[in-house]
């Protein structure tokens, strides 16, 4: 059994994940970009929980407004990143598929032995 075989990533599936779940980094997780996918997810979750916590726990207008603005900026940055990724997605899929292509066996060794 070939353990190095990875299925090719599909562009349509990356878009299907990016459009509804892009602000959570789903398309990046699918393409194997775990660090940046985690960063997008953390940005959005931090903004969401700050906004939710402010709405529930802090009735004081001035503190709540400043925290809510910060939360909105975190969530907006995740959304902006998603919109940029929609344009970059074909190249990201292509790059992911090139990484998983099997390397020709012995091509470098054959050149060195000559």
PDB file of N, CA and C in Angstrom:
ATOM      1  N   UNK A   1       0.840  -1.169   0.000  1.00  0.00           N
ATOM      2  CA  UNK A   1       0.000   0.000   0.000  1.00  0.00           C
ATOM      3  C   UNK A   1       0.887   1.235   0.000  1.00  0.00           C
ATOM      4  N   UNK A   2       0.550   2.204  -0.826  1.00  0.00           N
ATOM      5  CA  UNK A   2       1.336   3.430  -0.969  1.00  0.00           C
ATOM      6  C   UNK A   2       0.872   4.454   0.056  1.00  0.00           C
ATOM      7  N   UNK A   3       1.734   4.734   1.073  1.00  0.00           N
ATOM      8  CA  UNK A   3       1.369   5.682   2.121  1.00  0.00           C
ATOM      9  C   UNK A   3       1.636   7.118   1.708  1.00  0.00           C
ATOM     10  N   UNK A   4       2.407   7.338   0.651  1.00  0.00           N
ATOM     11  CA  UNK A   4       2.737   8.688   0.219  1.00  0.00           C
ATOM     12  C   UNK A   4       1.709   9.268  -0.737  1.00  0.00           C
ATOM     13  N   UNK A   5       0.719   8.500  -1.117  1.00  0.00           N
ATOM     14  CA  UNK A   5      -0.293   8.977  -2.058  1.00  0.00           C
ATOM     15  C   UNK A   5      -1.296   9.870  -1.330  1.00  0.00           C
ATOM     16  N   UNK A   6      -1.434  11.091  -1.816  1.00  0.00           N
ATOM     17  CA  UNK A   6      -2.407  12.037  -1.271  1.00  0.00           C
ATOM     18  C   UNK A   6      -3.368  12.405  -2.390  1.00  0.00           C
ATOM     19  N   UNK A   7      -4.664  12.395  -2.101  1.00  0.00           N
ATOM     20  CA  UNK A   7      -5.605  12.791  -3.153  1.00  0.00           C
ATOM     21  C   UNK A   7      -5.430  14.267  -3.502  1.00  0.00           C
ATOM     22  N   UNK A   8      -5.633  14.562  -4.776  1.00  0.00           N
ATOM     23  CA  UNK A   8      -5.518  15.952  -5.234  1.00  0.00           C
ATOM     24  C   UNK A   8      -6.662  16.770  -4.655  1.00  0.00           C
ATOM     25  N   UNK A   9      -6.335  17.998  -4.293  1.00  0.00           N
ATOM     26  CA  UNK A   9      -7.336  18.915  -3.745  1.00  0.00           C
ATOM     27  C   UNK A   9      -8.165  19.482  -4.894  1.00  0.00           C
ATOM     28  N   UNK A  10      -9.431  19.641  -4.658  1.00  0.00           N
ATOM     29  CA  UNK A  10     -10.365  20.138  -5.671  1.00  0.00           C
ATOM     30  C   UNK A  10     -10.661  21.616  -5.423  1.00  0.00           C
ATOM     31  N   UNK A  11     -10.594  22.407  -6.484  1.00  0.00           N
ATOM     32  CA  UNK A  11     -10.853  23.843  -6.377  1.00  0.00           C
ATOM     33  C   UNK A  11     -12.303  24.107  -5.983  1.00  0.00           C
ATOM     34  N   UNK A  12     -13.237  23.361  -6.556  1.00  0.00           N
ATOM     35  CA  UNK A  12     -14.647  23.585  -6.243  1.00  0.00           C
ATOM     36  C   UNK A  12     -14.938  23.311  -4.769  1.00  0.00           C
ATOM     37  N   UNK A  13     -14.254  22.305  -4.197  1.00  0.00           N
ATOM     38  CA  UNK A  13     -14.467  21.993  -2.793  1.00  0.00           C
ATOM     39  C   UNK A  13     -13.839  23.061  -1.893  1.00  0.00           C
ATOM     40  N   UNK A  14     -12.701  23.597  -2.310  1.00  0.00           N
ATOM     41  CA  UNK A  14     -12.073  24.688  -1.559  1.00  0.00           C
ATOM     42  C   UNK A  14     -12.990  25.910  -1.540  1.00  0.00           C
ATOM     43  N   UNK A  15     -13.597  26.226  -2.679  1.00  0.00           N
ATOM     44  CA  UNK A  15     -14.553  27.337  -2.722  1.00  0.00           C
ATOM     45  C   UNK A  15     -15.805  27.029  -1.900  1.00  0.00           C
ATOM     46  N   UNK A  16     -16.257  25.786  -1.944  1.00  0.00           N
ATOM     47  CA  UNK A  16     -17.426  25.391  -1.178  1.00  0.00           C
ATOM     48  C   UNK A  16     -17.183  25.549   0.327  1.00  0.00           C
ATOM     49  N   UNK A  17     -15.961  25.330   0.758  1.00  0.00           N
ATOM     50  CA  UNK A  17     -15.609  25.543   2.164  1.00  0.00           C
ATOM     51  C   UNK A  17     -15.351  27.016   2.465  1.00  0.00           C
ATOM     52  N   UNK A  18     -14.762  27.728   1.508  1.00  0.00           N
ATOM     53  CA  UNK A  18     -14.357  29.118   1.743  1.00  0.00           C
ATOM     54  C   UNK A  18     -15.539  30.069   1.814  1.00  0.00           C
ATOM     55  N   UNK A  19     -16.553  29.840   1.010  1.00  0.00           N
ATOM     56  CA  UNK A  19     -17.636  30.820   0.963  1.00  0.00           C
ATOM     57  C   UNK A  19     -18.434  30.844   2.270  1.00  0.00           C
ATOM     58  N   UNK A  20     -18.951  29.721   2.770  1.00  0.00           N
ATOM     59  CA  UNK A  20     -19.689  29.853   4.027  1.00  0.00           C
ATOM     60  C   UNK A  20     -18.814  29.818   5.282  1.00  0.00           C
ATOM     61  N   UNK A  21     -17.652  29.157   5.210  1.00  0.00           N
ATOM     62  CA  UNK A  21     -16.846  28.944   6.413  1.00  0.00           C
ATOM     63  C   UNK A  21     -15.443  29.529   6.317  1.00  0.00           C
ATOM     64  N   UNK A  22     -15.234  30.448   5.387  1.00  0.00           N
ATOM     65  CA  UNK A  22     -13.904  31.031   5.191  1.00  0.00           C
ATOM     66  C   UNK A  22     -13.407  31.834   6.367  1.00  0.00           C
ATOM     67  N   UNK A  23     -14.323  32.516   7.059  1.00  0.00           N
ATOM     68  CA  UNK A  23     -13.895  33.307   8.220  1.00  0.00           C
ATOM     69  C   UNK A  23     -13.468  32.409   9.363  1.00  0.00           C
ATOM     70  N   UNK A  24     -13.716  31.104   9.260  1.00  0.00           N
ATOM     71  CA  UNK A  24     -13.236  30.133  10.242  1.00  0.00           C
ATOM     72  C   UNK A  24     -11.986  29.412   9.752  1.00  0.00           C
ATOM     73  N   UNK A  25     -11.532  29.715   8.547  1.00  0.00           N
ATOM     74  CA  UNK A  25     -10.318  29.120   8.004  1.00  0.00           C
ATOM     75  C   UNK A  25     -10.493  27.722   7.435  1.00  0.00           C
ATOM     76  N   UNK A  26     -11.719  27.304   7.171  1.00  0.00           N
ATOM     77  CA  UNK A  26     -11.983  25.933   6.721  1.00  0.00           C
ATOM     78  C   UNK A  26     -11.235  25.586   5.436  1.00  0.00           C
ATOM     79  N   UNK A  27     -11.195  26.503   4.486  1.00  0.00           N
ATOM     80  CA  UNK A  27     -10.530  26.235   3.212  1.00  0.00           C
ATOM     81  C   UNK A  27      -9.023  26.057   3.413  1.00  0.00           C
ATOM     82  N   UNK A  28      -8.443  26.782   4.357  1.00  0.00           N
ATOM     83  CA  UNK A  28      -7.015  26.646   4.627  1.00  0.00           C
ATOM     84  C   UNK A  28      -6.718  25.324   5.319  1.00  0.00           C
ATOM     85  N   UNK A  29      -7.577  24.882   6.213  1.00  0.00           N
ATOM     86  CA  UNK A  29      -7.392  23.567   6.826  1.00  0.00           C
ATOM     87  C   UNK A  29      -7.460  22.477   5.760  1.00  0.00           C
ATOM     88  N   UNK A  30      -8.403  22.605   4.826  1.00  0.00           N
ATOM     89  CA  UNK A  30      -8.548  21.629   3.743  1.00  0.00           C
ATOM     90  C   UNK A  30      -7.280  21.551   2.888  1.00  0.00           C
ATOM     91  N   UNK A  31      -6.651  22.709   2.672  1.00  0.00           N
ATOM     92  CA  UNK A  31      -5.454  22.749   1.820  1.00  0.00           C
ATOM     93  C   UNK A  31      -4.167  22.458   2.590  1.00  0.00           C
ATOM     94  N   UNK A  32      -4.285  22.128   3.856  1.00  0.00           N
ATOM     95  CA  UNK A  32      -3.119  21.767   4.652  1.00  0.00           C
ATOM     96  C   UNK A  32      -2.357  22.957   5.214  1.00  0.00           C
ATOM     97  N   UNK A  33      -2.941  24.126   5.182  1.00  0.00           N
ATOM     98  CA  UNK A  33      -2.301  25.335   5.734  1.00  0.00           C
ATOM     99  C   UNK A  33      -2.829  25.537   7.154  1.00  0.00           C
ATOM    100  N   UNK A  34      -2.324  24.702   8.056  1.00  0.00           N
ATOM    101  CA  UNK A  34      -2.869  24.638   9.400  1.00  0.00           C
ATOM    102  C   UNK A  34      -2.557  25.879  10.235  1.00  0.00           C
ATOM    103  N   UNK A  35      -1.376  26.438  10.093  1.00  0.00           N
ATOM    104  CA  UNK A  35      -1.021  27.618  10.890  1.00  0.00           C
ATOM    105  C   UNK A  35      -1.905  28.814  10.558  1.00  0.00           C
ATOM    106  N   UNK A  36      -2.017  29.119   9.270  1.00  0.00           N
ATOM    107  CA  UNK A  36      -2.821  30.284   8.897  1.00  0.00           C
ATOM    108  C   UNK A  36      -4.314  30.011   9.084  1.00  0.00           C
ATOM    109  N   UNK A  37      -4.733  28.776   8.892  1.00  0.00           N
ATOM    110  CA  UNK A  37      -6.121  28.429   9.179  1.00  0.00           C
ATOM    111  C   UNK A  37      -6.440  28.617  10.652  1.00  0.00           C
ATOM    112  N   UNK A  38      -5.519  28.210  11.507  1.00  0.00           N
ATOM    113  CA  UNK A  38      -5.703  28.400  12.954  1.00  0.00           C
ATOM    114  C   UNK A  38      -5.710  29.871  13.324  1.00  0.00           C
ATOM    115  N   UNK A  39      -4.875  30.652  12.658  1.00  0.00           N
ATOM    116  CA  UNK A  39      -4.828  32.086  12.945  1.00  0.00           C
ATOM    117  C   UNK A  39      -6.143  32.768  12.568  1.00  0.00           C
ATOM    118  N   UNK A  40      -6.683  32.424  11.408  1.00  0.00           N
ATOM    119  CA  UNK A  40      -7.976  32.987  10.998  1.00  0.00           C
ATOM    120  C   UNK A  40      -9.065  32.576  11.983  1.00  0.00           C
ATOM    121  N   UNK A  41      -9.066  31.310  12.355  1.00  0.00           N
ATOM    122  CA  UNK A  41     -10.058  30.812  13.303  1.00  0.00           C
ATOM    123  C   UNK A  41      -9.942  31.534  14.641  1.00  0.00           C
ATOM    124  N   UNK A  42      -8.729  31.734  15.125  1.00  0.00           N
ATOM    125  CA  UNK A  42      -8.530  32.433  16.401  1.00  0.00           C
ATOM    126  C   UNK A  42      -8.969  33.890  16.322  1.00  0.00           C
ATOM    127  N   UNK A  43      -8.686  34.558  15.217  1.00  0.00           N
ATOM    128  CA  UNK A  43      -9.136  35.944  15.054  1.00  0.00           C
ATOM    129  C   UNK A  43     -10.652  36.041  15.152  1.00  0.00           C
ATOM    130  N   UNK A  44     -11.323  35.178  14.422  1.00  0.00           N
ATOM    131  CA  UNK A  44     -12.778  35.236  14.399  1.00  0.00           C
ATOM    132  C   UNK A  44     -13.369  34.838  15.745  1.00  0.00           C
ATOM    133  N   UNK A  45     -12.862  33.769  16.344  1.00  0.00           N
ATOM    134  CA  UNK A  45     -13.394  33.325  17.628  1.00  0.00           C
ATOM    135  C   UNK A  45     -13.141  34.346  18.731  1.00  0.00           C
ATOM    136  N   UNK A  46     -11.953  34.952  18.740  1.00  0.00           N
ATOM    137  CA  UNK A  46     -11.660  35.974  19.745  1.00  0.00           C
ATOM    138  C   UNK A  46     -12.633  37.145  19.593  1.00  0.00           C
ATOM    139  N   UNK A  47     -12.838  37.594  18.373  1.00  0.00           N
ATOM    140  CA  UNK A  47     -13.781  38.676  18.140  1.00  0.00           C
ATOM    141  C   UNK A  47     -15.198  38.303  18.531  1.00  0.00           C
ATOM    142  N   UNK A  48     -15.588  37.093  18.195  1.00  0.00           N
ATOM    143  CA  UNK A  48     -16.941  36.640  18.514  1.00  0.00           C
ATOM    144  C   UNK A  48     -17.161  36.587  20.021  1.00  0.00           C
ATOM    145  N   UNK A  49     -16.235  35.968  20.736  1.00  0.00           N
ATOM    146  CA  UNK A  49     -16.418  35.817  22.176  1.00  0.00           C
ATOM    147  C   UNK A  49     -16.265  37.128  22.933  1.00  0.00           C
ATOM    148  N   UNK A  50     -15.427  38.017  22.432  1.00  0.00           N
ATOM    149  CA  UNK A  50     -15.349  39.346  23.052  1.00  0.00           C
ATOM    150  C   UNK A  50     -16.673  40.078  22.856  1.00  0.00           C
ATOM    151  N   UNK A  51     -17.202  40.040  21.653  1.00  0.00           N
ATOM    152  CA  UNK A  51     -18.482  40.714  21.380  1.00  0.00           C
ATOM    153  C   UNK A  51     -19.614  40.089  22.187  1.00  0.00           C
ATOM    154  N   UNK A  52     -19.641  38.783  22.266  1.00  0.00           N
ATOM    155  CA  UNK A  52     -20.681  38.087  23.008  1.00  0.00           C
ATOM    156  C   UNK A  52     -20.559  38.381  24.501  1.00  0.00           C
ATOM    157  N   UNK A  53     -19.326  38.344  25.003  1.00  0.00           N
ATOM    158  CA  UNK A  53     -19.109  38.636  26.414  1.00  0.00           C
ATOM    159  C   UNK A  53     -19.462  40.058  26.781  1.00  0.00           C
ATOM    160  N   UNK A  54     -19.150  40.980  25.895  1.00  0.00           N
ATOM    161  CA  UNK A  54     -19.487  42.387  26.139  1.00  0.00           C
ATOM    162  C   UNK A  54     -20.994  42.559  26.165  1.00  0.00           C
ATOM    163  N   UNK A  55     -21.673  41.923  25.250  1.00  0.00           N
ATOM    164  CA  UNK A  55     -23.126  42.072  25.177  1.00  0.00           C
ATOM    165  C   UNK A  55     -23.813  41.474  26.405  1.00  0.00           C
ATOM    166  N   UNK A  56     -23.277  40.410  26.945  1.00  0.00           N
ATOM    167  CA  UNK A  56     -23.902  39.740  28.084  1.00  0.00           C
ATOM    168  C   UNK A  56     -23.491  40.371  29.422  1.00  0.00           C
ATOM    169  N   UNK A  57     -22.197  40.616  29.601  1.00  0.00           N
ATOM    170  CA  UNK A  57     -21.686  40.927  30.930  1.00  0.00           C
ATOM    171  C   UNK A  57     -21.514  42.400  31.246  1.00  0.00           C
ATOM    172  N   UNK A  58     -21.366  43.253  30.266  1.00  0.00           N
ATOM    173  CA  UNK A  58     -21.016  44.644  30.554  1.00  0.00           C
ATOM    174  C   UNK A  58     -22.076  45.605  30.046  1.00  0.00           C
ATOM    175  N   UNK A  59     -22.932  46.044  30.915  1.00  0.00           N
ATOM    176  CA  UNK A  59     -23.936  47.004  30.469  1.00  0.00           C
ATOM    177  C   UNK A  59     -23.408  48.439  30.362  1.00  0.00           C
ATOM    178  N   UNK A  60     -22.215  48.719  30.896  1.00  0.00           N
ATOM    179  CA  UNK A  60     -21.664  50.081  30.825  1.00  0.00           C
ATOM    180  C   UNK A  60     -21.366  50.428  29.373  1.00  0.00           C
ATOM    181  N   UNK A  61     -21.932  51.516  28.902  1.00  0.00           N
ATOM    182  CA  UNK A  61     -21.882  51.887  27.486  1.00  0.00           C
ATOM    183  C   UNK A  61     -20.469  52.141  26.972  1.00  0.00           C
ATOM    184  N   UNK A  62     -19.646  52.907  27.669  1.00  0.00           N
ATOM    185  CA  UNK A  62     -18.347  53.311  27.121  1.00  0.00           C
ATOM    186  C   UNK A  62     -17.373  52.132  27.040  1.00  0.00           C
ATOM    187  N   UNK A  63     -17.305  51.317  28.082  1.00  0.00           N
ATOM    188  CA  UNK A  63     -16.408  50.149  28.059  1.00  0.00           C
ATOM    189  C   UNK A  63     -16.890  49.159  27.012  1.00  0.00           C
ATOM    190  N   UNK A  64     -18.179  48.913  26.990  1.00  0.00           N
ATOM    191  CA  UNK A  64     -18.741  47.956  26.041  1.00  0.00           C
ATOM    192  C   UNK A  64     -18.514  48.411  24.607  1.00  0.00           C
ATOM    193  N   UNK A  65     -18.647  49.695  24.356  1.00  0.00           N
ATOM    194  CA  UNK A  65     -18.459  50.197  22.989  1.00  0.00           C
ATOM    195  C   UNK A  65     -17.019  50.015  22.530  1.00  0.00           C
ATOM    196  N   UNK A  66     -16.059  50.284  23.395  1.00  0.00           N
ATOM    197  CA  UNK A  66     -14.661  50.136  22.981  1.00  0.00           C
ATOM    198  C   UNK A  66     -14.284  48.670  22.787  1.00  0.00           C
ATOM    199  N   UNK A  67     -14.752  47.795  23.669  1.00  0.00           N
ATOM    200  CA  UNK A  67     -14.469  46.374  23.501  1.00  0.00           C
ATOM    201  C   UNK A  67     -15.180  45.808  22.291  1.00  0.00           C
ATOM    202  N   UNK A  68     -16.392  46.257  22.057  1.00  0.00           N
ATOM    203  CA  UNK A  68     -17.154  45.776  20.911  1.00  0.00           C
ATOM    204  C   UNK A  68     -16.506  46.218  19.599  1.00  0.00           C
ATOM    205  N   UNK A  69     -15.931  47.422  19.594  1.00  0.00           N
ATOM    206  CA  UNK A  69     -15.215  47.888  18.401  1.00  0.00           C
ATOM    207  C   UNK A  69     -13.992  47.019  18.152  1.00  0.00           C
ATOM    208  N   UNK A  70     -13.267  46.687  19.199  1.00  0.00           N
ATOM    209  CA  UNK A  70     -12.111  45.796  19.059  1.00  0.00           C
ATOM    210  C   UNK A  70     -12.510  44.425  18.557  1.00  0.00           C
ATOM    211  N   UNK A  71     -13.623  43.911  19.076  1.00  0.00           N
ATOM    212  CA  UNK A  71     -14.126  42.612  18.632  1.00  0.00           C
ATOM    213  C   UNK A  71     -14.515  42.666  17.161  1.00  0.00           C
ATOM    214  N   UNK A  72     -15.154  43.762  16.780  1.00  0.00           N
ATOM    215  CA  UNK A  72     -15.540  43.917  15.379  1.00  0.00           C
ATOM    216  C   UNK A  72     -14.343  43.971  14.457  1.00  0.00           C
ATOM    217  N   UNK A  73     -13.279  44.622  14.909  1.00  0.00           N
ATOM    218  CA  UNK A  73     -12.065  44.681  14.093  1.00  0.00           C
ATOM    219  C   UNK A  73     -11.419  43.312  13.942  1.00  0.00           C
ATOM    220  N   UNK A  74     -11.440  42.500  14.988  1.00  0.00           N
ATOM    221  CA  UNK A  74     -10.900  41.143  14.887  1.00  0.00           C
ATOM    222  C   UNK A  74     -11.694  40.323  13.880  1.00  0.00           C
ATOM    223  N   UNK A  75     -13.005  40.397  13.982  1.00  0.00           N
ATOM    224  CA  UNK A  75     -13.844  39.629  13.068  1.00  0.00           C
ATOM    225  C   UNK A  75     -13.750  40.176  11.647  1.00  0.00           C
ATOM    226  N   UNK A  76     -13.631  41.490  11.505  1.00  0.00           N
ATOM    227  CA  UNK A  76     -13.481  42.099  10.183  1.00  0.00           C
ATOM    228  C   UNK A  76     -12.173  41.681   9.536  1.00  0.00           C
ATOM    229  N   UNK A  77     -11.115  41.559  10.321  1.00  0.00           N
ATOM    230  CA  UNK A  77      -9.842  41.130   9.743  1.00  0.00           C
ATOM    231  C   UNK A  77      -9.925  39.690   9.234  1.00  0.00           C
ATOM    232  N   UNK A  78     -10.627  38.820   9.950  1.00  0.00           N
ATOM    233  CA  UNK A  78     -10.816  37.439   9.475  1.00  0.00           C
ATOM    234  C   UNK A  78     -11.634  37.430   8.186  1.00  0.00           C
ATOM    235  N   UNK A  79     -12.640  38.273   8.105  1.00  0.00           N
ATOM    236  CA  UNK A  79     -13.480  38.345   6.906  1.00  0.00           C
ATOM    237  C   UNK A  79     -12.706  38.904   5.723  1.00  0.00           C
ATOM    238  N   UNK A  80     -11.889  39.919   5.975  1.00  0.00           N
ATOM    239  CA  UNK A  80     -11.067  40.498   4.912  1.00  0.00           C
ATOM    240  C   UNK A  80     -10.090  39.463   4.379  1.00  0.00           C
ATOM    241  N   UNK A  81      -9.497  38.701   5.285  1.00  0.00           N
ATOM    242  CA  UNK A  81      -8.570  37.646   4.893  1.00  0.00           C
ATOM    243  C   UNK A  81      -9.301  36.633   4.011  1.00  0.00           C
ATOM    244  N   UNK A  82     -10.530  36.305   4.368  1.00  0.00           N
ATOM    245  CA  UNK A  82     -11.302  35.367   3.561  1.00  0.00           C
ATOM    246  C   UNK A  82     -11.551  35.918   2.161  1.00  0.00           C
ATOM    247  N   UNK A  83     -11.918  37.180   2.045  1.00  0.00           N
ATOM    248  CA  UNK A  83     -12.179  37.772   0.735  1.00  0.00           C
ATOM    249  C   UNK A  83     -10.927  37.771  -0.138  1.00  0.00           C
ATOM    250  N   UNK A  84      -9.783  38.052   0.448  1.00  0.00           N
ATOM    251  CA  UNK A  84      -8.524  38.001  -0.304  1.00  0.00           C
ATOM    252  C   UNK A  84      -8.239  36.567  -0.735  1.00  0.00           C
ATOM    253  N   UNK A  85      -8.490  35.617   0.159  1.00  0.00           N
ATOM    254  CA  UNK A  85      -8.266  34.209  -0.166  1.00  0.00           C
ATOM    255  C   UNK A  85      -9.141  33.726  -1.315  1.00  0.00           C
ATOM    256  N   UNK A  86     -10.338  34.287  -1.464  1.00  0.00           N
ATOM    257  CA  UNK A  86     -11.195  33.874  -2.578  1.00  0.00           C
ATOM    258  C   UNK A  86     -10.520  34.145  -3.914  1.00  0.00           C
ATOM    259  N   UNK A  87      -9.750  35.220  -4.001  1.00  0.00           N
ATOM    260  CA  UNK A  87      -9.022  35.526  -5.232  1.00  0.00           C
ATOM    261  C   UNK A  87      -7.771  34.659  -5.363  1.00  0.00           C
ATOM    262  N   UNK A  88      -7.173  34.295  -4.244  1.00  0.00           N
ATOM    263  CA  UNK A  88      -5.920  33.534  -4.271  1.00  0.00           C
ATOM    264  C   UNK A  88      -6.131  32.022  -4.270  1.00  0.00           C
ATOM    265  N   UNK A  89      -7.339  31.579  -4.118  1.00  0.00           N
ATOM    266  CA  UNK A  89      -7.623  30.158  -3.951  1.00  0.00           C
ATOM    267  C   UNK A  89      -7.147  29.263  -5.097  1.00  0.00           C
ATOM    268  N   UNK A  90      -7.307  29.632  -6.367  1.00  0.00           N
ATOM    269  CA  UNK A  90      -6.797  28.742  -7.425  1.00  0.00           C
ATOM    270  C   UNK A  90      -5.297  28.470  -7.300  1.00  0.00           C
ATOM    271  N   UNK A  91      -4.521  29.492  -7.002  1.00  0.00           N
ATOM    272  CA  UNK A  91      -3.081  29.295  -6.828  1.00  0.00           C
ATOM    273  C   UNK A  91      -2.762  28.472  -5.600  1.00  0.00           C
ATOM    274  N   UNK A  92      -3.534  28.645  -4.540  1.00  0.00           N
ATOM    275  CA  UNK A  92      -3.306  27.871  -3.323  1.00  0.00           C
ATOM    276  C   UNK A  92      -3.591  26.390  -3.556  1.00  0.00           C
ATOM    277  N   UNK A  93      -4.650  26.092  -4.311  1.00  0.00           N
ATOM    278  CA  UNK A  93      -4.971  24.696  -4.630  1.00  0.00           C
ATOM    279  C   UNK A  93      -3.880  24.104  -5.515  1.00  0.00           C
ATOM    280  N   UNK A  94      -3.451  24.873  -6.509  1.00  0.00           N
ATOM    281  CA  UNK A  94      -2.387  24.408  -7.400  1.00  0.00           C
ATOM    282  C   UNK A  94      -1.114  24.104  -6.606  1.00  0.00           C
ATOM    283  N   UNK A  95      -0.745  24.999  -5.707  1.00  0.00           N
ATOM    284  CA  UNK A  95       0.453  24.812  -4.889  1.00  0.00           C
ATOM    285  C   UNK A  95       0.306  23.596  -3.972  1.00  0.00           C
ATOM    286  N   UNK A  96      -0.866  23.410  -3.406  1.00  0.00           N
ATOM    287  CA  UNK A  96      -1.096  22.252  -2.541  1.00  0.00           C
ATOM    288  C   UNK A  96      -0.978  20.953  -3.326  1.00  0.00           C
ATOM    289  N   UNK A  97      -1.505  20.941  -4.547  1.00  0.00           N
ATOM    290  CA  UNK A  97      -1.420  19.739  -5.371  1.00  0.00           C
ATOM    291  C   UNK A  97       0.008  19.472  -5.842  1.00  0.00           C
ATOM    292  N   UNK A  98       0.797  20.503  -6.067  1.00  0.00           N
ATOM    293  CA  UNK A  98       2.193  20.301  -6.468  1.00  0.00           C
ATOM    294  C   UNK A  98       3.010  19.717  -5.333  1.00  0.00           C
ATOM    295  N   UNK A  99       2.684  20.078  -4.099  1.00  0.00           N
ATOM    296  CA  UNK A  99       3.396  19.524  -2.944  1.00  0.00           C
ATOM    297  C   UNK A  99       3.142  18.035  -2.790  1.00  0.00           C
ATOM    298  N   UNK A 100       1.948  17.592  -3.179  1.00  0.00           N
ATOM    299  CA  UNK A 100       1.589  16.190  -2.983  1.00  0.00           C
ATOM    300  C   UNK A 100       1.915  15.305  -4.176  1.00  0.00           C
ATOM    301  N   UNK A 101       2.451  15.893  -5.259  1.00  0.00           N
ATOM    302  CA  UNK A 101       2.827  15.063  -6.407  1.00  0.00           C
ATOM    303  C   UNK A 101       3.979  14.153  -6.023  1.00  0.00           C
ATOM    304  N   UNK A 102       3.945  12.910  -6.463  1.00  0.00           N
ATOM    305  CA  UNK A 102       5.053  12.023  -6.145  1.00  0.00           C
ATOM    306  C   UNK A 102       6.326  12.474  -6.863  1.00  0.00           C
ATOM    307  N   UNK A 103       7.419  12.489  -6.135  1.00  0.00           N
ATOM    308  CA  UNK A 103       8.707  12.839  -6.726  1.00  0.00           C
ATOM    309  C   UNK A 103       9.235  11.646  -7.509  1.00  0.00           C
ATOM    310  N   UNK A 104       9.824  11.883  -8.685  1.00  0.00           N
ATOM    311  CA  UNK A 104      10.372  10.766  -9.455  1.00  0.00           C
ATOM    312  C   UNK A 104      11.464  10.083  -8.650  1.00  0.00           C
ATOM    313  N   UNK A 105      11.330   8.782  -8.523  1.00  0.00           N
ATOM    314  CA  UNK A 105      12.298   8.030  -7.709  1.00  0.00           C
ATOM    315  C   UNK A 105      13.605   7.868  -8.466  1.00  0.00           C
ATOM    316  N   UNK A 106      14.660   8.193  -7.770  1.00  0.00           N
ATOM    317  CA  UNK A 106      15.998   7.987  -8.326  1.00  0.00           C
ATOM    318  C   UNK A 106      16.467   9.017  -9.305  1.00  0.00           C
ATOM    319  N   UNK A 107      15.718  10.045  -9.614  1.00  0.00           N
ATOM    320  CA  UNK A 107      16.166  11.020 -10.613  1.00  0.00           C
ATOM    321  C   UNK A 107      17.365  11.806 -10.114  1.00  0.00           C
ATOM    322  N   UNK A 108      17.369  12.200  -8.861  1.00  0.00           N
ATOM    323  CA  UNK A 108      18.509  12.929  -8.308  1.00  0.00           C
ATOM    324  C   UNK A 108      19.691  11.984  -8.090  1.00  0.00           C
ATOM    325  N   UNK A 109      19.398  10.752  -7.651  1.00  0.00           N
ATOM    326  CA  UNK A 109      20.463   9.778  -7.426  1.00  0.00           C
ATOM    327  C   UNK A 109      21.116   9.362  -8.736  1.00  0.00           C
ATOM    328  N   UNK A 110      20.325   9.244  -9.790  1.00  0.00           N
ATOM    329  CA  UNK A 110      20.863   8.845 -11.079  1.00  0.00           C
ATOM    330  C   UNK A 110      21.771   9.939 -11.640  1.00  0.00           C
ATOM    331  N   UNK A 111      21.422  11.183 -11.434  1.00  0.00           N
ATOM    332  CA  UNK A 111      22.230  12.278 -11.938  1.00  0.00           C
ATOM    333  C   UNK A 111      23.543  12.380 -11.157  1.00  0.00           C
ATOM    334  N   UNK A 112      23.503  12.099  -9.861  1.00  0.00           N
ATOM    335  CA  UNK A 112      24.721  12.145  -9.058  1.00  0.00           C
ATOM    336  C   UNK A 112      25.676  11.013  -9.372  1.00  0.00           C
ATOM    337  N   UNK A 113      25.150   9.851  -9.752  1.00  0.00           N
ATOM    338  CA  UNK A 113      26.027   8.711  -9.997  1.00  0.00           C
ATOM    339  C   UNK A 113      26.752   8.785 -11.336  1.00  0.00           C
ATOM    340  N   UNK A 114      26.299   9.666 -12.212  1.00  0.00           N
ATOM    341  CA  UNK A 114      26.934   9.769 -13.528  1.00  0.00           C
ATOM    342  C   UNK A 114      28.179  10.568 -13.480  1.00  0.00           C
TER     343      UNK A 114
END
